[in-house]
Amino acid sequence: MVKGEKAANKTTMNDIVTFMGKGTGKKYMDQLRVVIGEFINAEASLLEVRSKDAHDTANLAKTSMVQMQTLRRSRGQSPSLSQHIPLPLWEGLGEGWGGLMKANNH
């Protein structure tokens, strides 16, 4: 520690004990815990909303894919859209539907 810092910081152990004895530190920590708790709760709520939004978006994409495939089949076009969709995405969609898309590609 530099001498100037040591001279500027004249807090003694007695000062710290007195400060702690007043309960001031506990009061500040309790207030901080409340603020942190509110932040955590708000973030948890936002994560829940984001998760639901992501799930809804994924379901919409899956439903749209099935509807497009059904429409193509009803028009007598190729039943498979896999040639227009990147293979890793197509395989991922199939897994997400319990293999439904893979079963339809046979």
PDB file of N, CA and C in Angstrom:
ATOM      1  N   MET A   1       0.849  -1.166   0.000  1.00  0.00           N
ATOM      2  CA  MET A   1       0.000   0.000   0.000  1.00  0.00           C
ATOM      3  C   MET A   1       0.898   1.234   0.000  1.00  0.00           C
ATOM      4  N   VAL A   2       0.570   2.210  -0.778  1.00  0.00           N
ATOM      5  CA  VAL A   2       1.333   3.448  -0.860  1.00  0.00           C
ATOM      6  C   VAL A   2       1.068   4.276   0.395  1.00  0.00           C
ATOM      7  N   LYS A   3       2.095   5.009   0.847  1.00  0.00           N
ATOM      8  CA  LYS A   3       1.951   5.792   2.086  1.00  0.00           C
ATOM      9  C   LYS A   3       0.784   6.771   2.008  1.00  0.00           C
ATOM     10  N   GLY A   4       0.587   7.394   0.854  1.00  0.00           N
ATOM     11  CA  GLY A   4      -0.520   8.342   0.697  1.00  0.00           C
ATOM     12  C   GLY A   4      -1.870   7.675   0.870  1.00  0.00           C
ATOM     13  N   GLU A   5      -2.004   6.465   0.316  1.00  0.00           N
ATOM     14  CA  GLU A   5      -3.255   5.717   0.459  1.00  0.00           C
ATOM     15  C   GLU A   5      -3.486   5.344   1.907  1.00  0.00           C
ATOM     16  N   LYS A   6      -2.419   4.940   2.564  1.00  0.00           N
ATOM     17  CA  LYS A   6      -2.528   4.538   3.959  1.00  0.00           C
ATOM     18  C   LYS A   6      -2.950   5.721   4.821  1.00  0.00           C
ATOM     19  N   ALA A   7      -2.383   6.880   4.536  1.00  0.00           N
ATOM     20  CA  ALA A   7      -2.727   8.078   5.301  1.00  0.00           C
ATOM     21  C   ALA A   7      -4.166   8.510   5.022  1.00  0.00           C
ATOM     22  N   ALA A   8      -4.618   8.369   3.782  1.00  0.00           N
ATOM     23  CA  ALA A   8      -5.976   8.775   3.424  1.00  0.00           C
ATOM     24  C   ALA A   8      -7.008   7.832   4.021  1.00  0.00           C
ATOM     25  N   ASN A   9      -6.636   6.573   4.204  1.00  0.00           N
ATOM     26  CA  ASN A   9      -7.548   5.566   4.727  1.00  0.00           C
ATOM     27  C   ASN A   9      -7.250   5.358   6.207  1.00  0.00           C
ATOM     28  N   LYS A  10      -7.836   6.183   7.031  1.00  0.00           N
ATOM     29  CA  LYS A  10      -7.559   6.112   8.465  1.00  0.00           C
ATOM     30  C   LYS A  10      -8.641   5.331   9.200  1.00  0.00           C
ATOM     31  N   THR A  11      -9.391   4.529   8.481  1.00  0.00           N
ATOM     32  CA  THR A  11     -10.428   3.729   9.108  1.00  0.00           C
ATOM     33  C   THR A  11      -9.770   2.670   9.976  1.00  0.00           C
ATOM     34  N   THR A  12     -10.239   2.574  11.179  1.00  0.00           N
ATOM     35  CA  THR A  12      -9.672   1.590  12.100  1.00  0.00           C
ATOM     36  C   THR A  12     -10.648   0.437  12.262  1.00  0.00           C
ATOM     37  N   MET A  13     -10.199  -0.602  12.881  1.00  0.00           N
ATOM     38  CA  MET A  13     -11.073  -1.739  13.171  1.00  0.00           C
ATOM     39  C   MET A  13     -12.225  -1.296  14.062  1.00  0.00           C
ATOM     40  N   ASN A  14     -11.944  -0.385  14.982  1.00  0.00           N
ATOM     41  CA  ASN A  14     -13.012   0.115  15.856  1.00  0.00           C
ATOM     42  C   ASN A  14     -14.090   0.821  15.039  1.00  0.00           C
ATOM     43  N   ASP A  15     -13.671   1.583  14.005  1.00  0.00           N
ATOM     44  CA  ASP A  15     -14.647   2.251  13.138  1.00  0.00           C
ATOM     45  C   ASP A  15     -15.521   1.227  12.424  1.00  0.00           C
ATOM     46  N   ILE A  16     -14.897   0.170  11.952  1.00  0.00           N
ATOM     47  CA  ILE A  16     -15.640  -0.878  11.237  1.00  0.00           C
ATOM     48  C   ILE A  16     -16.610  -1.574  12.177  1.00  0.00           C
ATOM     49  N   VAL A  17     -16.150  -1.908  13.374  1.00  0.00           N
ATOM     50  CA  VAL A  17     -17.014  -2.570  14.355  1.00  0.00           C
ATOM     51  C   VAL A  17     -18.183  -1.661  14.723  1.00  0.00           C
ATOM     52  N   THR A  18     -17.915  -0.377  14.899  1.00  0.00           N
ATOM     53  CA  THR A  18     -18.978   0.581  15.220  1.00  0.00           C
ATOM     54  C   THR A  18     -19.989   0.654  14.074  1.00  0.00           C
ATOM     55  N   PHE A  19     -19.480   0.727  12.848  1.00  0.00           N
ATOM     56  CA  PHE A  19     -20.339   0.779  11.657  1.00  0.00           C
ATOM     57  C   PHE A  19     -21.222  -0.464  11.585  1.00  0.00           C
ATOM     58  N   MET A  20     -20.615  -1.617  11.799  1.00  0.00           N
ATOM     59  CA  MET A  20     -21.374  -2.869  11.742  1.00  0.00           C
ATOM     60  C   MET A  20     -22.378  -2.945  12.884  1.00  0.00           C
ATOM     61  N   GLY A  21     -22.004  -2.432  14.031  1.00  0.00           N
ATOM     62  CA  GLY A  21     -22.896  -2.463  15.185  1.00  0.00           C
ATOM     63  C   GLY A  21     -24.149  -1.638  14.976  1.00  0.00           C
ATOM     64  N   LYS A  22     -24.063  -0.606  14.174  1.00  0.00           N
ATOM     65  CA  LYS A  22     -25.230   0.233  13.887  1.00  0.00           C
ATOM     66  C   LYS A  22     -26.243  -0.492  13.003  1.00  0.00           C
ATOM     67  N   GLY A  23     -25.826  -1.541  12.362  1.00  0.00           N
ATOM     68  CA  GLY A  23     -26.723  -2.271  11.468  1.00  0.00           C
ATOM     69  C   GLY A  23     -26.856  -1.617  10.108  1.00  0.00           C
ATOM     70  N   THR A  24     -26.060  -0.595   9.863  1.00  0.00           N
ATOM     71  CA  THR A  24     -26.134   0.114   8.589  1.00  0.00           C
ATOM     72  C   THR A  24     -25.764  -0.806   7.436  1.00  0.00           C
ATOM     73  N   GLY A  25     -24.716  -1.568   7.596  1.00  0.00           N
ATOM     74  CA  GLY A  25     -24.283  -2.490   6.545  1.00  0.00           C
ATOM     75  C   GLY A  25     -25.352  -3.522   6.230  1.00  0.00           C
ATOM     76  N   LYS A  26     -25.981  -4.052   7.277  1.00  0.00           N
ATOM     77  CA  LYS A  26     -27.045  -5.035   7.079  1.00  0.00           C
ATOM     78  C   LYS A  26     -28.211  -4.406   6.317  1.00  0.00           C
ATOM     79  N   LYS A  27     -28.537  -3.170   6.678  1.00  0.00           N
ATOM     80  CA  LYS A  27     -29.635  -2.474   6.005  1.00  0.00           C
ATOM     81  C   LYS A  27     -29.343  -2.339   4.511  1.00  0.00           C
ATOM     82  N   TYR A  28     -28.121  -1.932   4.180  1.00  0.00           N
ATOM     83  CA  TYR A  28     -27.747  -1.785   2.773  1.00  0.00           C
ATOM     84  C   TYR A  28     -27.749  -3.131   2.050  1.00  0.00           C
ATOM     85  N   MET A  29     -27.243  -4.150   2.709  1.00  0.00           N
ATOM     86  CA  MET A  29     -27.226  -5.480   2.085  1.00  0.00           C
ATOM     87  C   MET A  29     -28.646  -5.995   1.873  1.00  0.00           C
ATOM     88  N   ASP A  30     -29.521  -5.766   2.846  1.00  0.00           N
ATOM     89  CA  ASP A  30     -30.916  -6.193   2.689  1.00  0.00           C
ATOM     90  C   ASP A  30     -31.581  -5.468   1.524  1.00  0.00           C
ATOM     91  N   GLN A  31     -31.314  -4.166   1.400  1.00  0.00           N
ATOM     92  CA  GLN A  31     -31.864  -3.404   0.279  1.00  0.00           C
ATOM     93  C   GLN A  31     -31.312  -3.920  -1.048  1.00  0.00           C
ATOM     94  N   LEU A  32     -30.025  -4.222  -1.051  1.00  0.00           N
ATOM     95  CA  LEU A  32     -29.401  -4.753  -2.264  1.00  0.00           C
ATOM     96  C   LEU A  32     -30.001  -6.107  -2.632  1.00  0.00           C
ATOM     97  N   ARG A  33     -30.247  -6.942  -1.642  1.00  0.00           N
ATOM     98  CA  ARG A  33     -30.859  -8.255  -1.908  1.00  0.00           C
ATOM     99  C   ARG A  33     -32.258  -8.100  -2.516  1.00  0.00           C
ATOM    100  N   VAL A  34     -33.010  -7.111  -2.031  1.00  0.00           N
ATOM    101  CA  VAL A  34     -34.351  -6.864  -2.579  1.00  0.00           C
ATOM    102  C   VAL A  34     -34.248  -6.460  -4.046  1.00  0.00           C
ATOM    103  N   VAL A  35     -33.332  -5.535  -4.339  1.00  0.00           N
ATOM    104  CA  VAL A  35     -33.164  -5.076  -5.724  1.00  0.00           C
ATOM    105  C   VAL A  35     -32.712  -6.229  -6.614  1.00  0.00           C
ATOM    106  N   ILE A  36     -31.767  -7.021  -6.138  1.00  0.00           N
ATOM    107  CA  ILE A  36     -31.288  -8.171  -6.922  1.00  0.00           C
ATOM    108  C   ILE A  36     -32.423  -9.173  -7.129  1.00  0.00           C
ATOM    109  N   GLY A  37     -33.223  -9.411  -6.096  1.00  0.00           N
ATOM    110  CA  GLY A  37     -34.360 -10.324  -6.220  1.00  0.00           C
ATOM    111  C   GLY A  37     -35.366  -9.844  -7.253  1.00  0.00           C
ATOM    112  N   GLU A  38     -35.646  -8.532  -7.249  1.00  0.00           N
ATOM    113  CA  GLU A  38     -36.569  -7.971  -8.241  1.00  0.00           C
ATOM    114  C   GLU A  38     -36.010  -8.129  -9.651  1.00  0.00           C
ATOM    115  N   PHE A  39     -34.712  -7.905  -9.789  1.00  0.00           N
ATOM    116  CA  PHE A  39     -34.068  -8.058 -11.095  1.00  0.00           C
ATOM    117  C   PHE A  39     -34.161  -9.502 -11.576  1.00  0.00           C
ATOM    118  N   ILE A  40     -33.870 -10.431 -10.691  1.00  0.00           N
ATOM    119  CA  ILE A  40     -33.914 -11.858 -11.059  1.00  0.00           C
ATOM    120  C   ILE A  40     -35.335 -12.256 -11.461  1.00  0.00           C
ATOM    121  N   ASN A  41     -36.326 -11.795 -10.707  1.00  0.00           N
ATOM    122  CA  ASN A  41     -37.719 -12.119 -11.044  1.00  0.00           C
ATOM    123  C   ASN A  41     -38.128 -11.524 -12.386  1.00  0.00           C
ATOM    124  N   ALA A  42     -37.729 -10.275 -12.629  1.00  0.00           N
ATOM    125  CA  ALA A  42     -38.058  -9.638 -13.910  1.00  0.00           C
ATOM    126  C   ALA A  42     -37.391 -10.381 -15.060  1.00  0.00           C
ATOM    127  N   GLU A  43     -36.141 -10.762 -14.871  1.00  0.00           N
ATOM    128  CA  GLU A  43     -35.418 -11.480 -15.924  1.00  0.00           C
ATOM    129  C   GLU A  43     -36.041 -12.852 -16.173  1.00  0.00           C
ATOM    130  N   ALA A  44     -36.458 -13.531 -15.110  1.00  0.00           N
ATOM    131  CA  ALA A  44     -37.105 -14.839 -15.267  1.00  0.00           C
ATOM    132  C   ALA A  44     -38.401 -14.701 -16.065  1.00  0.00           C
ATOM    133  N   SER A  45     -39.164 -13.649 -15.784  1.00  0.00           N
ATOM    134  CA  SER A  45     -40.407 -13.415 -16.531  1.00  0.00           C
ATOM    135  C   SER A  45     -40.121 -13.157 -18.005  1.00  0.00           C
ATOM    136  N   LEU A  46     -39.098 -12.343 -18.266  1.00  0.00           N
ATOM    137  CA  LEU A  46     -38.741 -12.053 -19.656  1.00  0.00           C
ATOM    138  C   LEU A  46     -38.259 -13.306 -20.376  1.00  0.00           C
ATOM    139  N   LEU A  47     -37.491 -14.138 -19.701  1.00  0.00           N
ATOM    140  CA  LEU A  47     -37.025 -15.385 -20.316  1.00  0.00           C
ATOM    141  C   LEU A  47     -38.202 -16.298 -20.644  1.00  0.00           C
ATOM    142  N   GLU A  48     -39.190 -16.314 -19.769  1.00  0.00           N
ATOM    143  CA  GLU A  48     -40.379 -17.131 -20.014  1.00  0.00           C
ATOM    144  C   GLU A  48     -41.109 -16.644 -21.269  1.00  0.00           C
ATOM    145  N   VAL A  49     -41.256 -15.330 -21.390  1.00  0.00           N
ATOM    146  CA  VAL A  49     -41.926 -14.751 -22.565  1.00  0.00           C
ATOM    147  C   VAL A  49     -41.131 -15.061 -23.824  1.00  0.00           C
ATOM    148  N   ARG A  50     -39.808 -14.876 -23.763  1.00  0.00           N
ATOM    149  CA  ARG A  50     -38.966 -15.143 -24.938  1.00  0.00           C
ATOM    150  C   ARG A  50     -39.031 -16.610 -25.336  1.00  0.00           C
ATOM    151  N   SER A  51     -39.038 -17.487 -24.348  1.00  0.00           N
ATOM    152  CA  SER A  51     -39.106 -18.918 -24.632  1.00  0.00           C
ATOM    153  C   SER A  51     -40.428 -19.269 -25.310  1.00  0.00           C
ATOM    154  N   LYS A  52     -41.519 -18.703 -24.805  1.00  0.00           N
ATOM    155  CA  LYS A  52     -42.826 -18.957 -25.415  1.00  0.00           C
ATOM    156  C   LYS A  52     -42.865 -18.407 -26.836  1.00  0.00           C
ATOM    157  N   ASP A  53     -42.327 -17.200 -27.027  1.00  0.00           N
ATOM    158  CA  ASP A  53     -42.296 -16.614 -28.369  1.00  0.00           C
ATOM    159  C   ASP A  53     -41.500 -17.486 -29.331  1.00  0.00           C
ATOM    160  N   ALA A  54     -40.355 -17.982 -28.881  1.00  0.00           N
ATOM    161  CA  ALA A  54     -39.526 -18.840 -29.733  1.00  0.00           C
ATOM    162  C   ALA A  54     -40.265 -20.136 -30.058  1.00  0.00           C
ATOM    163  N   HIS A  55     -40.932 -20.701 -29.066  1.00  0.00           N
ATOM    164  CA  HIS A  55     -41.694 -21.933 -29.285  1.00  0.00           C
ATOM    165  C   HIS A  55     -42.827 -21.692 -30.279  1.00  0.00           C
ATOM    166  N   ASP A  56     -43.538 -20.574 -30.109  1.00  0.00           N
ATOM    167  CA  ASP A  56     -44.629 -20.242 -31.030  1.00  0.00           C
ATOM    168  C   ASP A  56     -44.118 -20.036 -32.453  1.00  0.00           C
ATOM    169  N   THR A  57     -42.979 -19.380 -32.588  1.00  0.00           N
ATOM    170  CA  THR A  57     -42.393 -19.152 -33.912  1.00  0.00           C
ATOM    171  C   THR A  57     -42.000 -20.472 -34.560  1.00  0.00           C
ATOM    172  N   ALA A  58     -41.406 -21.360 -33.779  1.00  0.00           N
ATOM    173  CA  ALA A  58     -41.023 -22.670 -34.314  1.00  0.00           C
ATOM    174  C   ALA A  58     -42.259 -23.451 -34.755  1.00  0.00           C
ATOM    175  N   ASN A  59     -43.303 -23.411 -33.950  1.00  0.00           N
ATOM    176  CA  ASN A  59     -44.538 -24.114 -34.325  1.00  0.00           C
ATOM    177  C   ASN A  59     -45.151 -23.534 -35.591  1.00  0.00           C
ATOM    178  N   LEU A  60     -45.114 -22.219 -35.732  1.00  0.00           N
ATOM    179  CA  LEU A  60     -45.636 -21.586 -36.940  1.00  0.00           C
ATOM    180  C   LEU A  60     -44.841 -22.031 -38.164  1.00  0.00           C
ATOM    181  N   ALA A  61     -43.526 -22.090 -38.025  1.00  0.00           N
ATOM    182  CA  ALA A  61     -42.690 -22.524 -39.144  1.00  0.00           C
ATOM    183  C   ALA A  61     -43.003 -23.972 -39.521  1.00  0.00           C
ATOM    184  N   LYS A  62     -43.145 -24.825 -38.522  1.00  0.00           N
ATOM    185  CA  LYS A  62     -43.451 -26.235 -38.788  1.00  0.00           C
ATOM    186  C   LYS A  62     -44.812 -26.378 -39.464  1.00  0.00           C
ATOM    187  N   THR A  63     -45.801 -25.661 -38.941  1.00  0.00           N
ATOM    188  CA  THR A  63     -47.145 -25.716 -39.518  1.00  0.00           C
ATOM    189  C   THR A  63     -47.134 -25.218 -40.956  1.00  0.00           C
ATOM    190  N   SER A  64     -46.400 -24.145 -41.200  1.00  0.00           N
ATOM    191  CA  SER A  64     -46.308 -23.604 -42.560  1.00  0.00           C
ATOM    192  C   SER A  64     -45.685 -24.615 -43.507  1.00  0.00           C
ATOM    193  N   MET A  65     -44.663 -25.316 -43.048  1.00  0.00           N
ATOM    194  CA  MET A  65     -44.009 -26.321 -43.893  1.00  0.00           C
ATOM    195  C   MET A  65     -44.994 -27.434 -44.265  1.00  0.00           C
ATOM    196  N   VAL A  66     -45.752 -27.897 -43.284  1.00  0.00           N
ATOM    197  CA  VAL A  66     -46.724 -28.962 -43.552  1.00  0.00           C
ATOM    198  C   VAL A  66     -47.796 -28.459 -44.514  1.00  0.00           C
ATOM    199  N   GLN A  67     -48.265 -27.238 -44.313  1.00  0.00           N
ATOM    200  CA  GLN A  67     -49.287 -26.683 -45.200  1.00  0.00           C
ATOM    201  C   GLN A  67     -48.756 -26.524 -46.623  1.00  0.00           C
ATOM    202  N   MET A  68     -47.512 -26.070 -46.760  1.00  0.00           N
ATOM    203  CA  MET A  68     -46.935 -25.933 -48.105  1.00  0.00           C
ATOM    204  C   MET A  68     -46.814 -27.294 -48.773  1.00  0.00           C
ATOM    205  N   GLN A  69     -46.389 -28.289 -48.020  1.00  0.00           N
ATOM    206  CA  GLN A  69     -46.242 -29.623 -48.596  1.00  0.00           C
ATOM    207  C   GLN A  69     -47.610 -30.175 -48.999  1.00  0.00           C
ATOM    208  N   THR A  70     -48.606 -29.973 -48.163  1.00  0.00           N
ATOM    209  CA  THR A  70     -49.962 -30.436 -48.476  1.00  0.00           C
ATOM    210  C   THR A  70     -50.500 -29.733 -49.717  1.00  0.00           C
ATOM    211  N   LEU A  71     -50.275 -28.435 -49.814  1.00  0.00           N
ATOM    212  CA  LEU A  71     -50.718 -27.671 -50.974  1.00  0.00           C
ATOM    213  C   LEU A  71     -50.035 -28.171 -52.245  1.00  0.00           C
ATOM    214  N   ARG A  72     -48.749 -28.429 -52.168  1.00  0.00           N
ATOM    215  CA  ARG A  72     -48.030 -28.937 -53.343  1.00  0.00           C
ATOM    216  C   ARG A  72     -48.581 -30.301 -53.762  1.00  0.00           C
ATOM    217  N   ARG A  73     -48.852 -31.145 -52.783  1.00  0.00           N
ATOM    218  CA  ARG A  73     -49.397 -32.469 -53.114  1.00  0.00           C
ATOM    219  C   ARG A  73     -50.776 -32.340 -53.752  1.00  0.00           C
ATOM    220  N   SER A  74     -51.593 -31.422 -53.233  1.00  0.00           N
ATOM    221  CA  SER A  74     -52.948 -31.280 -53.772  1.00  0.00           C
ATOM    222  C   SER A  74     -52.923 -30.742 -55.199  1.00  0.00           C
ATOM    223  N   ARG A  75     -51.871 -30.078 -55.581  1.00  0.00           N
ATOM    224  CA  ARG A  75     -51.730 -29.555 -56.941  1.00  0.00           C
ATOM    225  C   ARG A  75     -50.985 -30.535 -57.847  1.00  0.00           C
ATOM    226  N   GLY A  76     -50.659 -31.692 -57.320  1.00  0.00           N
ATOM    227  CA  GLY A  76     -49.974 -32.692 -58.121  1.00  0.00           C
ATOM    228  C   GLY A  76     -48.494 -32.418 -58.308  1.00  0.00           C
ATOM    229  N   GLN A  77     -47.949 -31.527 -57.509  1.00  0.00           N
ATOM    230  CA  GLN A  77     -46.522 -31.230 -57.609  1.00  0.00           C
ATOM    231  C   GLN A  77     -45.744 -32.198 -56.734  1.00  0.00           C
ATOM    232  N   SER A  78     -44.453 -32.083 -56.830  1.00  0.00           N
ATOM    233  CA  SER A  78     -43.569 -32.943 -56.050  1.00  0.00           C
ATOM    234  C   SER A  78     -43.945 -32.885 -54.573  1.00  0.00           C
ATOM    235  N   PRO A  79     -44.124 -34.034 -53.947  1.00  0.00           N
ATOM    236  CA  PRO A  79     -44.501 -34.036 -52.533  1.00  0.00           C
ATOM    237  C   PRO A  79     -43.358 -33.625 -51.611  1.00  0.00           C
ATOM    238  N   SER A  80     -42.162 -33.590 -52.130  1.00  0.00           N
ATOM    239  CA  SER A  80     -41.012 -33.301 -51.276  1.00  0.00           C
ATOM    240  C   SER A  80     -40.513 -31.882 -51.502  1.00  0.00           C
ATOM    241  N   LEU A  81     -40.350 -31.163 -50.436  1.00  0.00           N
ATOM    242  CA  LEU A  81     -39.769 -29.827 -50.507  1.00  0.00           C
ATOM    243  C   LEU A  81     -38.295 -29.852 -50.127  1.00  0.00           C
ATOM    244  N   SER A  82     -37.779 -31.023 -49.810  1.00  0.00           N
ATOM    245  CA  SER A  82     -36.421 -31.108 -49.272  1.00  0.00           C
ATOM    246  C   SER A  82     -35.381 -30.555 -50.234  1.00  0.00           C
ATOM    247  N   GLN A  83     -35.669 -30.576 -51.539  1.00  0.00           N
ATOM    248  CA  GLN A  83     -34.704 -30.044 -52.494  1.00  0.00           C
ATOM    249  C   GLN A  83     -34.567 -28.531 -52.368  1.00  0.00           C
ATOM    250  N   HIS A  84     -35.548 -27.875 -51.757  1.00  0.00           N
ATOM    251  CA  HIS A  84     -35.525 -26.422 -51.619  1.00  0.00           C
ATOM    252  C   HIS A  84     -35.106 -25.969 -50.226  1.00  0.00           C
ATOM    253  N   ILE A  85     -34.920 -26.903 -49.318  1.00  0.00           N
ATOM    254  CA  ILE A  85     -34.601 -26.578 -47.934  1.00  0.00           C
ATOM    255  C   ILE A  85     -33.240 -27.180 -47.605  1.00  0.00           C
ATOM    256  N   PRO A  86     -32.360 -26.415 -46.979  1.00  0.00           N
ATOM    257  CA  PRO A  86     -31.063 -26.985 -46.598  1.00  0.00           C
ATOM    258  C   PRO A  86     -31.261 -28.251 -45.775  1.00  0.00           C
ATOM    259  N   LEU A  87     -30.533 -29.289 -46.119  1.00  0.00           N
ATOM    260  CA  LEU A  87     -30.710 -30.597 -45.505  1.00  0.00           C
ATOM    261  C   LEU A  87     -30.629 -30.575 -43.981  1.00  0.00           C
ATOM    262  N   PRO A  88     -29.642 -29.894 -43.355  1.00  0.00           N
ATOM    263  CA  PRO A  88     -29.612 -29.911 -41.886  1.00  0.00           C
ATOM    264  C   PRO A  88     -30.880 -29.332 -41.266  1.00  0.00           C
ATOM    265  N   LEU A  89     -31.436 -28.284 -41.869  1.00  0.00           N
ATOM    266  CA  LEU A  89     -32.675 -27.704 -41.356  1.00  0.00           C
ATOM    267  C   LEU A  89     -33.816 -28.704 -41.507  1.00  0.00           C
ATOM    268  N   TRP A  90     -33.889 -29.331 -42.668  1.00  0.00           N
ATOM    269  CA  TRP A  90     -34.953 -30.304 -42.935  1.00  0.00           C
ATOM    270  C   TRP A  90     -34.895 -31.457 -41.940  1.00  0.00           C
ATOM    271  N   GLU A  91     -33.678 -31.960 -41.691  1.00  0.00           N
ATOM    272  CA  GLU A  91     -33.532 -33.071 -40.750  1.00  0.00           C
ATOM    273  C   GLU A  91     -33.922 -32.639 -39.345  1.00  0.00           C
ATOM    274  N   GLY A  92     -33.556 -31.410 -38.968  1.00  0.00           N
ATOM    275  CA  GLY A  92     -33.919 -30.894 -37.652  1.00  0.00           C
ATOM    276  C   GLY A  92     -35.418 -30.773 -37.489  1.00  0.00           C
ATOM    277  N   LEU A  93     -36.104 -30.355 -38.539  1.00  0.00           N
ATOM    278  CA  LEU A  93     -37.561 -30.256 -38.481  1.00  0.00           C
ATOM    279  C   LEU A  93     -38.179 -31.631 -38.304  1.00  0.00           C
ATOM    280  N   GLY A  94     -37.634 -32.611 -39.001  1.00  0.00           N
ATOM    281  CA  GLY A  94     -38.159 -33.965 -38.885  1.00  0.00           C
ATOM    282  C   GLY A  94     -38.031 -34.508 -37.478  1.00  0.00           C
ATOM    283  N   GLU A  95     -36.889 -34.225 -36.851  1.00  0.00           N
ATOM    284  CA  GLU A  95     -36.690 -34.698 -35.485  1.00  0.00           C
ATOM    285  C   GLU A  95     -37.663 -34.009 -34.536  1.00  0.00           C
ATOM    286  N   GLY A  96     -37.916 -32.722 -34.783  1.00  0.00           N
ATOM    287  CA  GLY A  96     -38.813 -31.965 -33.917  1.00  0.00           C
ATOM    288  C   GLY A  96     -40.253 -32.438 -34.007  1.00  0.00           C
ATOM    289  N   TRP A  97     -40.615 -33.089 -35.086  1.00  0.00           N
ATOM    290  CA  TRP A  97     -41.980 -33.581 -35.263  1.00  0.00           C
ATOM    291  C   TRP A  97     -42.080 -35.074 -35.017  1.00  0.00           C
ATOM    292  N   GLY A  98     -41.163 -35.606 -34.289  1.00  0.00           N
ATOM    293  CA  GLY A  98     -41.200 -37.034 -34.022  1.00  0.00           C
ATOM    294  C   GLY A  98     -41.004 -37.860 -35.279  1.00  0.00           C
ATOM    295  N   GLY A  99     -40.277 -37.316 -36.250  1.00  0.00           N
ATOM    296  CA  GLY A  99     -39.983 -38.046 -37.472  1.00  0.00           C
ATOM    297  C   GLY A  99     -41.062 -37.923 -38.531  1.00  0.00           C
ATOM    298  N   LEU A 100     -42.071 -37.091 -38.315  1.00  0.00           N
ATOM    299  CA  LEU A 100     -43.171 -36.953 -39.268  1.00  0.00           C
ATOM    300  C   LEU A 100     -42.668 -36.577 -40.652  1.00  0.00           C
ATOM    301  N   MET A 101     -41.781 -35.580 -40.709  1.00  0.00           N
ATOM    302  CA  MET A 101     -41.291 -35.138 -42.012  1.00  0.00           C
ATOM    303  C   MET A 101     -40.452 -36.226 -42.673  1.00  0.00           C
ATOM    304  N   LYS A 102     -39.668 -36.944 -41.892  1.00  0.00           N
ATOM    305  CA  LYS A 102     -38.857 -38.018 -42.462  1.00  0.00           C
ATOM    306  C   LYS A 102     -39.760 -39.116 -43.024  1.00  0.00           C
ATOM    307  N   ALA A 103     -40.845 -39.397 -42.315  1.00  0.00           N
ATOM    308  CA  ALA A 103     -41.766 -40.434 -42.779  1.00  0.00           C
ATOM    309  C   ALA A 103     -42.428 -40.017 -44.087  1.00  0.00           C
ATOM    310  N   ASN A 104     -42.688 -38.721 -44.256  1.00  0.00           N
ATOM    311  CA  ASN A 104     -43.334 -38.232 -45.472  1.00  0.00           C
ATOM    312  C   ASN A 104     -42.378 -38.137 -46.645  1.00  0.00           C
ATOM    313  N   ASN A 105     -41.098 -38.229 -46.415  1.00  0.00           N
ATOM    314  CA  ASN A 105     -40.118 -38.097 -47.489  1.00  0.00           C
ATOM    315  C   ASN A 105     -39.774 -39.432 -48.141  1.00  0.00           C
ATOM    316  N   HIS A 106     -40.336 -40.505 -47.686  1.00  0.00           N
ATOM    317  CA  HIS A 106     -39.981 -41.823 -48.248  1.00  0.00           C
ATOM    318  C   HIS A 106     -40.475 -41.967 -49.653  1.00  0.00           C
TER     319      HIS A 106
END
